Amino acid sequence: MPRNYKQEYENYQGTEASKQDRAQRNKARRMLEAKGVVHKGDGKDVDHKKPLSKGGTTVISNLKAKPAAKNRSFKRKSDGSMK
């Protein structure tokens, strides 16, 4: 069965909460790019030491660069947030 991207966007990616979280992740990436810590295409993710889902903020002291494989390996709940 083909994936229904339009429905997926309407039900998840297009919600206000998802848009705000995405904006915070993009802001974090831009902040570390400006400091020279990460670069486009380097295979690194920007990690929030205290996750946004647990009340963390997007400030330099809460950000670090990690390889994508390590940053995406956390166990997650059914709603996508970290356990």
Protein backbone atom coordinates (compact mmCIF):
# COMPACT_ATOMS: atom_id res chain seq x y z
CA MET A 1 0.00 0.00 0.00
CA PRO A 2 1.51 3.37 -0.96
CA ARG A 3 2.26 5.91 1.75
CA ASN A 4 -0.25 8.77 2.01
CA TYR A 5 2.03 11.78 2.52
CA LYS A 6 -0.79 14.31 2.42
CA GLN A 7 -2.64 12.60 5.25
CA GLU A 8 0.60 12.19 7.22
CA TYR A 9 1.27 15.92 6.94
CA GLU A 10 -2.26 16.85 7.99
CA ASN A 11 -2.25 14.48 10.98
CA TYR A 12 1.28 14.97 12.28
CA GLN A 13 3.80 17.13 10.44
CA GLY A 14 1.39 20.01 9.87
CA THR A 15 0.25 20.37 13.48
CA GLU A 16 1.28 23.50 15.37
CA ALA A 17 3.25 21.50 17.95
CA SER A 18 5.26 19.75 15.22
CA LYS A 19 5.93 23.04 13.42
CA GLN A 20 7.20 24.65 16.63
CA ASP A 21 9.46 21.68 17.44
CA ARG A 22 10.84 21.70 13.88
CA ALA A 23 11.52 25.43 14.14
CA GLN A 24 13.47 24.87 17.39
CA ARG A 25 15.54 22.07 15.80
CA ASN A 26 16.31 24.26 12.77
CA LYS A 27 17.30 27.15 15.04
CA ALA A 28 19.64 24.86 16.99
CA ARG A 29 21.29 23.70 13.77
CA ARG A 30 21.80 27.29 12.59
CA MET A 31 23.32 28.26 15.95
CA LEU A 32 25.95 25.51 15.80
CA GLU A 33 26.63 26.19 12.12
CA ALA A 34 27.36 29.82 13.00
CA LYS A 35 29.87 28.66 15.64
CA GLY A 36 31.52 26.32 13.10
CA VAL A 37 30.72 23.14 15.05
CA VAL A 38 28.65 21.51 12.27
CA HIS A 39 28.53 21.94 8.51
CA LYS A 40 26.03 20.96 5.86
CA GLY A 41 26.51 17.35 4.79
CA ASP A 42 28.87 16.42 7.64
CA GLY A 43 26.64 13.59 8.91
CA LYS A 44 26.21 15.14 12.36
CA ASP A 45 23.01 15.93 14.21
CA VAL A 46 22.52 18.69 16.74
CA ASP A 47 21.54 17.13 20.05
CA HIS A 48 19.71 18.86 22.86
CA LYS A 49 21.34 17.67 26.11
CA LYS A 50 17.96 18.11 27.82
CA PRO A 51 15.43 17.18 25.12
CA LEU A 52 12.75 19.61 24.01
CA SER A 53 10.16 16.97 24.93
CA LYS A 54 11.40 17.07 28.53
CA GLY A 55 11.45 20.85 28.88
CA GLY A 56 14.84 21.63 27.36
CA THR A 57 15.51 24.88 25.53
CA THR A 58 17.44 25.87 22.45
CA VAL A 59 20.42 27.67 23.96
CA ILE A 60 24.11 27.07 23.20
CA SER A 61 24.75 25.51 26.62
CA ASN A 62 22.08 22.84 25.91
CA LEU A 63 23.37 21.88 22.44
CA LYS A 64 26.05 19.52 21.20
CA ALA A 65 26.92 17.84 17.91
CA LYS A 66 26.69 14.04 17.67
CA PRO A 67 26.99 11.55 14.85
CA ALA A 68 23.54 10.90 13.40
CA ALA A 69 23.66 7.18 14.27
CA LYS A 70 24.20 7.92 17.97
CA ASN A 71 21.64 10.73 18.18
CA ARG A 72 18.86 8.68 16.60
CA SER A 73 19.36 5.52 18.63
CA PHE A 74 17.28 6.38 21.71
CA LYS A 75 14.36 4.20 22.70
CA ARG A 76 11.13 6.01 22.02
CA LYS A 77 7.53 5.89 23.19
CA SER A 78 4.68 5.29 20.76
CA ASP A 79 4.19 9.07 20.35
CA GLY A 80 7.83 9.47 19.27
CA SER A 81 9.12 11.13 22.45
CA MET A 82 12.09 9.67 24.32
CA LYS A 83 11.60 7.17 27.14
